[in-house]
Amino acid sequence: MSEIGMGMTLPEYFTAVVRSKVARLEVRRDLLLCGVKVKAEEAVVKGLVDIGRSWVRGSGMVTGEVYEIIY
């Protein structure tokens, strides 16, 4: 469960960093207000990272790896 799901508020310095790094308003809204969890390929499409991939391990859990973060 994310901090948003538990009803916690995010500190102003954290939201300032997200505002400066995430340009697209709809993506920022999903991250900050909805607590959306993003898989690697979806992060690429949303412009959060340059390159990423997800894979499934033997346990059936999907994990992801991010190669290059956009700054």
PDB file of N, CA and C in Angstrom:
ATOM      1  N   MET A   1       0.849  -1.172   0.000  1.00  0.00           N
ATOM      2  CA  MET A   1       0.000   0.000   0.000  1.00  0.00           C
ATOM      3  C   MET A   1       0.898   1.239   0.000  1.00  0.00           C
ATOM      4  N   SER A   2       0.521   2.217  -0.791  1.00  0.00           N
ATOM      5  CA  SER A   2       1.302   3.451  -0.872  1.00  0.00           C
ATOM      6  C   SER A   2       0.939   4.392   0.275  1.00  0.00           C
ATOM      7  N   GLU A   3       1.748   5.422   0.439  1.00  0.00           N
ATOM      8  CA  GLU A   3       1.484   6.429   1.467  1.00  0.00           C
ATOM      9  C   GLU A   3       0.149   7.122   1.221  1.00  0.00           C
ATOM     10  N   ILE A   4      -0.162   7.326  -0.043  1.00  0.00           N
ATOM     11  CA  ILE A   4      -1.420   7.977  -0.407  1.00  0.00           C
ATOM     12  C   ILE A   4      -2.590   7.101   0.017  1.00  0.00           C
ATOM     13  N   GLY A   5      -2.478   5.790  -0.220  1.00  0.00           N
ATOM     14  CA  GLY A   5      -3.531   4.852   0.155  1.00  0.00           C
ATOM     15  C   GLY A   5      -3.772   4.805   1.659  1.00  0.00           C
ATOM     16  N   MET A   6      -2.745   5.093   2.449  1.00  0.00           N
ATOM     17  CA  MET A   6      -2.877   5.095   3.909  1.00  0.00           C
ATOM     18  C   MET A   6      -3.336   6.453   4.432  1.00  0.00           C
ATOM     19  N   GLY A   7      -3.492   7.426   3.542  1.00  0.00           N
ATOM     20  CA  GLY A   7      -3.974   8.744   3.948  1.00  0.00           C
ATOM     21  C   GLY A   7      -2.891   9.677   4.460  1.00  0.00           C
ATOM     22  N   MET A   8      -1.638   9.320   4.257  1.00  0.00           N
ATOM     23  CA  MET A   8      -0.545  10.196   4.695  1.00  0.00           C
ATOM     24  C   MET A   8      -0.408  11.374   3.741  1.00  0.00           C
ATOM     25  N   THR A   9       0.064  12.478   4.257  1.00  0.00           N
ATOM     26  CA  THR A   9       0.350  13.622   3.395  1.00  0.00           C
ATOM     27  C   THR A   9       1.833  13.613   3.031  1.00  0.00           C
ATOM     28  N   LEU A  10       2.146  14.133   1.873  1.00  0.00           N
ATOM     29  CA  LEU A  10       3.527  14.192   1.416  1.00  0.00           C
ATOM     30  C   LEU A  10       4.123  15.545   1.791  1.00  0.00           C
ATOM     31  N   PRO A  11       5.366  15.574   2.240  1.00  0.00           N
ATOM     32  CA  PRO A  11       6.002  16.844   2.580  1.00  0.00           C
ATOM     33  C   PRO A  11       6.139  17.739   1.350  1.00  0.00           C
ATOM     34  N   GLU A  12       6.128  19.032   1.562  1.00  0.00           N
ATOM     35  CA  GLU A  12       6.219  19.998   0.468  1.00  0.00           C
ATOM     36  C   GLU A  12       7.486  19.816  -0.349  1.00  0.00           C
ATOM     37  N   TYR A  13       8.618  19.498   0.301  1.00  0.00           N
ATOM     38  CA  TYR A  13       9.860  19.318  -0.452  1.00  0.00           C
ATOM     39  C   TYR A  13       9.750  18.144  -1.414  1.00  0.00           C
ATOM     40  N   PHE A  14       9.015  17.096  -1.045  1.00  0.00           N
ATOM     41  CA  PHE A  14       8.849  15.942  -1.925  1.00  0.00           C
ATOM     42  C   PHE A  14       7.990  16.306  -3.132  1.00  0.00           C
ATOM     43  N   THR A  15       6.881  16.990  -2.885  1.00  0.00           N
ATOM     44  CA  THR A  15       6.026  17.381  -4.009  1.00  0.00           C
ATOM     45  C   THR A  15       6.739  18.381  -4.915  1.00  0.00           C
ATOM     46  N   ALA A  16       7.623  19.218  -4.348  1.00  0.00           N
ATOM     47  CA  ALA A  16       8.397  20.159  -5.169  1.00  0.00           C
ATOM     48  C   ALA A  16       9.343  19.405  -6.100  1.00  0.00           C
ATOM     49  N   VAL A  17       9.959  18.354  -5.603  1.00  0.00           N
ATOM     50  CA  VAL A  17      10.842  17.542  -6.453  1.00  0.00           C
ATOM     51  C   VAL A  17      10.042  16.886  -7.566  1.00  0.00           C
ATOM     52  N   VAL A  18       8.887  16.319  -7.241  1.00  0.00           N
ATOM     53  CA  VAL A  18       8.056  15.676  -8.263  1.00  0.00           C
ATOM     54  C   VAL A  18       7.597  16.705  -9.287  1.00  0.00           C
ATOM     55  N   ARG A  19       7.188  17.897  -8.848  1.00  0.00           N
ATOM     56  CA  ARG A  19       6.778  18.950  -9.792  1.00  0.00           C
ATOM     57  C   ARG A  19       7.912  19.316 -10.735  1.00  0.00           C
ATOM     58  N   SER A  20       9.137  19.337 -10.227  1.00  0.00           N
ATOM     59  CA  SER A  20      10.269  19.733 -11.071  1.00  0.00           C
ATOM     60  C   SER A  20      10.714  18.619 -12.021  1.00  0.00           C
ATOM     61  N   LYS A  21      10.425  17.370 -11.692  1.00  0.00           N
ATOM     62  CA  LYS A  21      10.903  16.237 -12.491  1.00  0.00           C
ATOM     63  C   LYS A  21       9.850  15.646 -13.420  1.00  0.00           C
ATOM     64  N   VAL A  22       8.572  15.767 -13.067  1.00  0.00           N
ATOM     65  CA  VAL A  22       7.486  15.178 -13.863  1.00  0.00           C
ATOM     66  C   VAL A  22       6.727  16.310 -14.528  1.00  0.00           C
ATOM     67  N   ALA A  23       6.956  16.466 -15.826  1.00  0.00           N
ATOM     68  CA  ALA A  23       6.396  17.608 -16.551  1.00  0.00           C
ATOM     69  C   ALA A  23       4.908  17.443 -16.874  1.00  0.00           C
ATOM     70  N   ARG A  24       4.499  16.242 -17.237  1.00  0.00           N
ATOM     71  CA  ARG A  24       3.110  16.022 -17.664  1.00  0.00           C
ATOM     72  C   ARG A  24       2.170  16.035 -16.464  1.00  0.00           C
ATOM     73  N   LEU A  25       1.183  16.930 -16.504  1.00  0.00           N
ATOM     74  CA  LEU A  25       0.270  17.119 -15.381  1.00  0.00           C
ATOM     75  C   LEU A  25      -0.527  15.862 -15.054  1.00  0.00           C
ATOM     76  N   GLU A  26      -1.002  15.134 -16.073  1.00  0.00           N
ATOM     77  CA  GLU A  26      -1.822  13.953 -15.804  1.00  0.00           C
ATOM     78  C   GLU A  26      -1.001  12.847 -15.133  1.00  0.00           C
ATOM     79  N   VAL A  27       0.279  12.754 -15.482  1.00  0.00           N
ATOM     80  CA  VAL A  27       1.155  11.760 -14.847  1.00  0.00           C
ATOM     81  C   VAL A  27       1.429  12.171 -13.400  1.00  0.00           C
ATOM     82  N   ARG A  28       1.696  13.445 -13.181  1.00  0.00           N
ATOM     83  CA  ARG A  28       1.939  13.958 -11.829  1.00  0.00           C
ATOM     84  C   ARG A  28       0.710  13.753 -10.946  1.00  0.00           C
ATOM     85  N   ARG A  29      -0.461  14.011 -11.498  1.00  0.00           N
ATOM     86  CA  ARG A  29      -1.707  13.805 -10.753  1.00  0.00           C
ATOM     87  C   ARG A  29      -1.862  12.348 -10.339  1.00  0.00           C
ATOM     88  N   ASP A  30      -1.615  11.434 -11.283  1.00  0.00           N
ATOM     89  CA  ASP A  30      -1.734  10.012 -10.973  1.00  0.00           C
ATOM     90  C   ASP A  30      -0.761   9.589  -9.880  1.00  0.00           C
ATOM     91  N   LEU A  31       0.464  10.104  -9.937  1.00  0.00           N
ATOM     92  CA  LEU A  31       1.472   9.735  -8.946  1.00  0.00           C
ATOM     93  C   LEU A  31       1.166  10.316  -7.574  1.00  0.00           C
ATOM     94  N   LEU A  32       0.851  11.615  -7.515  1.00  0.00           N
ATOM     95  CA  LEU A  32       0.701  12.297  -6.229  1.00  0.00           C
ATOM     96  C   LEU A  32      -0.676  12.155  -5.596  1.00  0.00           C
ATOM     97  N   LEU A  33      -1.725  12.157  -6.399  1.00  0.00           N
ATOM     98  CA  LEU A  33      -3.067  12.123  -5.831  1.00  0.00           C
ATOM     99  C   LEU A  33      -3.661  10.727  -5.761  1.00  0.00           C
ATOM    100  N   CYS A  34      -3.256   9.854  -6.691  1.00  0.00           N
ATOM    101  CA  CYS A  34      -3.828   8.510  -6.742  1.00  0.00           C
ATOM    102  C   CYS A  34      -2.869   7.436  -6.238  1.00  0.00           C
ATOM    103  N   GLY A  35      -1.588   7.750  -6.139  1.00  0.00           N
ATOM    104  CA  GLY A  35      -0.612   6.760  -5.684  1.00  0.00           C
ATOM    105  C   GLY A  35      -0.439   5.611  -6.660  1.00  0.00           C
ATOM    106  N   VAL A  36      -0.550   5.889  -7.944  1.00  0.00           N
ATOM    107  CA  VAL A  36      -0.463   4.861  -8.972  1.00  0.00           C
ATOM    108  C   VAL A  36       0.924   4.224  -8.977  1.00  0.00           C
ATOM    109  N   LYS A  37       0.948   2.895  -9.060  1.00  0.00           N
ATOM    110  CA  LYS A  37       2.210   2.176  -9.199  1.00  0.00           C
ATOM    111  C   LYS A  37       2.458   1.969 -10.691  1.00  0.00           C
ATOM    112  N   VAL A  38       3.671   2.218 -11.152  1.00  0.00           N
ATOM    113  CA  VAL A  38       3.987   2.229 -12.575  1.00  0.00           C
ATOM    114  C   VAL A  38       5.021   1.147 -12.879  1.00  0.00           C
ATOM    115  N   LYS A  39       4.702   0.284 -13.866  1.00  0.00           N
ATOM    116  CA  LYS A  39       5.668  -0.707 -14.330  1.00  0.00           C
ATOM    117  C   LYS A  39       6.673  -0.028 -15.243  1.00  0.00           C
ATOM    118  N   ALA A  40       7.767  -0.708 -15.512  1.00  0.00           N
ATOM    119  CA  ALA A  40       8.878  -0.112 -16.260  1.00  0.00           C
ATOM    120  C   ALA A  40       8.445   0.383 -17.638  1.00  0.00           C
ATOM    121  N   GLU A  41       7.750  -0.457 -18.412  1.00  0.00           N
ATOM    122  CA  GLU A  41       7.353  -0.036 -19.767  1.00  0.00           C
ATOM    123  C   GLU A  41       6.391   1.143 -19.721  1.00  0.00           C
ATOM    124  N   GLU A  42       5.499   1.138 -18.733  1.00  0.00           N
ATOM    125  CA  GLU A  42       4.554   2.240 -18.589  1.00  0.00           C
ATOM    126  C   GLU A  42       5.283   3.534 -18.210  1.00  0.00           C
ATOM    127  N   ALA A  43       6.346   3.424 -17.407  1.00  0.00           N
ATOM    128  CA  ALA A  43       7.139   4.595 -17.038  1.00  0.00           C
ATOM    129  C   ALA A  43       7.801   5.210 -18.258  1.00  0.00           C
ATOM    130  N   VAL A  44       8.223   4.376 -19.210  1.00  0.00           N
ATOM    131  CA  VAL A  44       8.811   4.880 -20.453  1.00  0.00           C
ATOM    132  C   VAL A  44       7.755   5.645 -21.242  1.00  0.00           C
ATOM    133  N   VAL A  45       6.568   5.065 -21.372  1.00  0.00           N
ATOM    134  CA  VAL A  45       5.486   5.704 -22.134  1.00  0.00           C
ATOM    135  C   VAL A  45       5.080   7.029 -21.499  1.00  0.00           C
ATOM    136  N   LYS A  46       5.061   7.082 -20.176  1.00  0.00           N
ATOM    137  CA  LYS A  46       4.656   8.300 -19.471  1.00  0.00           C
ATOM    138  C   LYS A  46       5.767   9.336 -19.412  1.00  0.00           C
ATOM    139  N   GLY A  47       6.980   8.987 -19.860  1.00  0.00           N
ATOM    140  CA  GLY A  47       8.078   9.930 -19.872  1.00  0.00           C
ATOM    141  C   GLY A  47       8.804  10.061 -18.544  1.00  0.00           C
ATOM    142  N   LEU A  48       8.615   9.091 -17.644  1.00  0.00           N
ATOM    143  CA  LEU A  48       9.298   9.138 -16.353  1.00  0.00           C
ATOM    144  C   LEU A  48      10.737   8.660 -16.450  1.00  0.00           C
ATOM    145  N   VAL A  49      11.006   7.743 -17.369  1.00  0.00           N
ATOM    146  CA  VAL A  49      12.353   7.204 -17.585  1.00  0.00           C
ATOM    147  C   VAL A  49      12.607   7.097 -19.080  1.00  0.00           C
ATOM    148  N   ASP A  50      13.868   6.957 -19.462  1.00  0.00           N
ATOM    149  CA  ASP A  50      14.215   6.798 -20.873  1.00  0.00           C
ATOM    150  C   ASP A  50      14.063   5.349 -21.338  1.00  0.00           C
ATOM    151  N   ILE A  51      14.573   4.403 -20.545  1.00  0.00           N
ATOM    152  CA  ILE A  51      14.585   2.990 -20.932  1.00  0.00           C
ATOM    153  C   ILE A  51      14.178   2.157 -19.729  1.00  0.00           C
ATOM    154  N   GLY A  52      13.362   1.118 -19.941  1.00  0.00           N
ATOM    155  CA  GLY A  52      12.976   0.234 -18.848  1.00  0.00           C
ATOM    156  C   GLY A  52      12.417  -1.064 -19.389  1.00  0.00           C
ATOM    157  N   ARG A  53      12.386  -2.102 -18.541  1.00  0.00           N
ATOM    158  CA  ARG A  53      11.776  -3.364 -18.940  1.00  0.00           C
ATOM    159  C   ARG A  53      11.247  -4.056 -17.693  1.00  0.00           C
ATOM    160  N   SER A  54      10.223  -4.869 -17.866  1.00  0.00           N
ATOM    161  CA  SER A  54       9.669  -5.668 -16.780  1.00  0.00           C
ATOM    162  C   SER A  54       9.795  -7.122 -17.168  1.00  0.00           C
ATOM    163  N   TRP A  55       9.857  -7.960 -16.187  1.00  0.00           N
ATOM    164  CA  TRP A  55       9.897  -9.387 -16.459  1.00  0.00           C
ATOM    165  C   TRP A  55       9.226 -10.114 -15.308  1.00  0.00           C
ATOM    166  N   VAL A  56       8.888 -11.384 -15.551  1.00  0.00           N
ATOM    167  CA  VAL A  56       8.242 -12.202 -14.537  1.00  0.00           C
ATOM    168  C   VAL A  56       9.241 -13.234 -14.059  1.00  0.00           C
ATOM    169  N   ARG A  57       9.400 -13.315 -12.753  1.00  0.00           N
ATOM    170  CA  ARG A  57      10.276 -14.332 -12.171  1.00  0.00           C
ATOM    171  C   ARG A  57       9.460 -15.568 -11.841  1.00  0.00           C
ATOM    172  N   GLY A  58      10.125 -16.608 -11.405  1.00  0.00           N
ATOM    173  CA  GLY A  58       9.476 -17.881 -11.109  1.00  0.00           C
ATOM    174  C   GLY A  58       8.310 -17.803 -10.142  1.00  0.00           C
ATOM    175  N   SER A  59       8.316 -16.858  -9.233  1.00  0.00           N
ATOM    176  CA  SER A  59       7.243 -16.749  -8.244  1.00  0.00           C
ATOM    177  C   SER A  59       5.967 -16.171  -8.842  1.00  0.00           C
ATOM    178  N   GLY A  60       6.045 -15.692 -10.080  1.00  0.00           N
ATOM    179  CA  GLY A  60       4.881 -15.080 -10.706  1.00  0.00           C
ATOM    180  C   GLY A  60       4.765 -13.589 -10.416  1.00  0.00           C
ATOM    181  N   MET A  61       5.684 -13.048  -9.624  1.00  0.00           N
ATOM    182  CA  MET A  61       5.661 -11.617  -9.334  1.00  0.00           C
ATOM    183  C   MET A  61       6.326 -10.855 -10.468  1.00  0.00           C
ATOM    184  N   VAL A  62       5.737  -9.741 -10.850  1.00  0.00           N
ATOM    185  CA  VAL A  62       6.326  -8.903 -11.891  1.00  0.00           C
ATOM    186  C   VAL A  62       7.277  -7.923 -11.219  1.00  0.00           C
ATOM    187  N   THR A  63       8.505  -7.909 -11.698  1.00  0.00           N
ATOM    188  CA  THR A  63       9.473  -6.951 -11.191  1.00  0.00           C
ATOM    189  C   THR A  63       9.957  -6.118 -12.364  1.00  0.00           C
ATOM    190  N   GLY A  64      10.565  -5.017 -12.093  1.00  0.00           N
ATOM    191  CA  GLY A  64      11.011  -4.149 -13.177  1.00  0.00           C
ATOM    192  C   GLY A  64      12.390  -3.614 -12.916  1.00  0.00           C
ATOM    193  N   GLU A  65      12.993  -3.159 -13.973  1.00  0.00           N
ATOM    194  CA  GLU A  65      14.320  -2.571 -13.885  1.00  0.00           C
ATOM    195  C   GLU A  65      14.321  -1.308 -14.722  1.00  0.00           C
ATOM    196  N   VAL A  66      14.795  -0.244 -14.152  1.00  0.00           N
ATOM    197  CA  VAL A  66      14.864   1.030 -14.858  1.00  0.00           C
ATOM    198  C   VAL A  66      16.330   1.284 -15.175  1.00  0.00           C
ATOM    199  N   TYR A  67      16.622   1.567 -16.432  1.00  0.00           N
ATOM    200  CA  TYR A  67      17.988   1.718 -16.858  1.00  0.00           C
ATOM    201  C   TYR A  67      18.485   3.162 -16.806  1.00  0.00           C
ATOM    202  N   GLU A  68      17.666   4.090 -17.169  1.00  0.00           N
ATOM    203  CA  GLU A  68      18.132   5.477 -17.229  1.00  0.00           C
ATOM    204  C   GLU A  68      16.978   6.397 -16.838  1.00  0.00           C
ATOM    205  N   ILE A  69      17.188   7.199 -15.827  1.00  0.00           N
ATOM    206  CA  ILE A  69      16.159   8.103 -15.348  1.00  0.00           C
ATOM    207  C   ILE A  69      16.345   9.475 -15.999  1.00  0.00           C
ATOM    208  N   ILE A  70      15.255  10.084 -16.401  1.00  0.00           N
ATOM    209  CA  ILE A  70      15.292  11.410 -17.013  1.00  0.00           C
ATOM    210  C   ILE A  70      15.431  12.454 -15.926  1.00  0.00           C
ATOM    211  N   TYR A  71      16.396  13.354 -16.050  1.00  0.00           N
ATOM    212  CA  TYR A  71      16.541  14.460 -15.100  1.00  0.00           C
ATOM    213  C   TYR A  71      16.476  15.757 -15.786  1.00  0.00           C
TER     214      TYR A  71
END
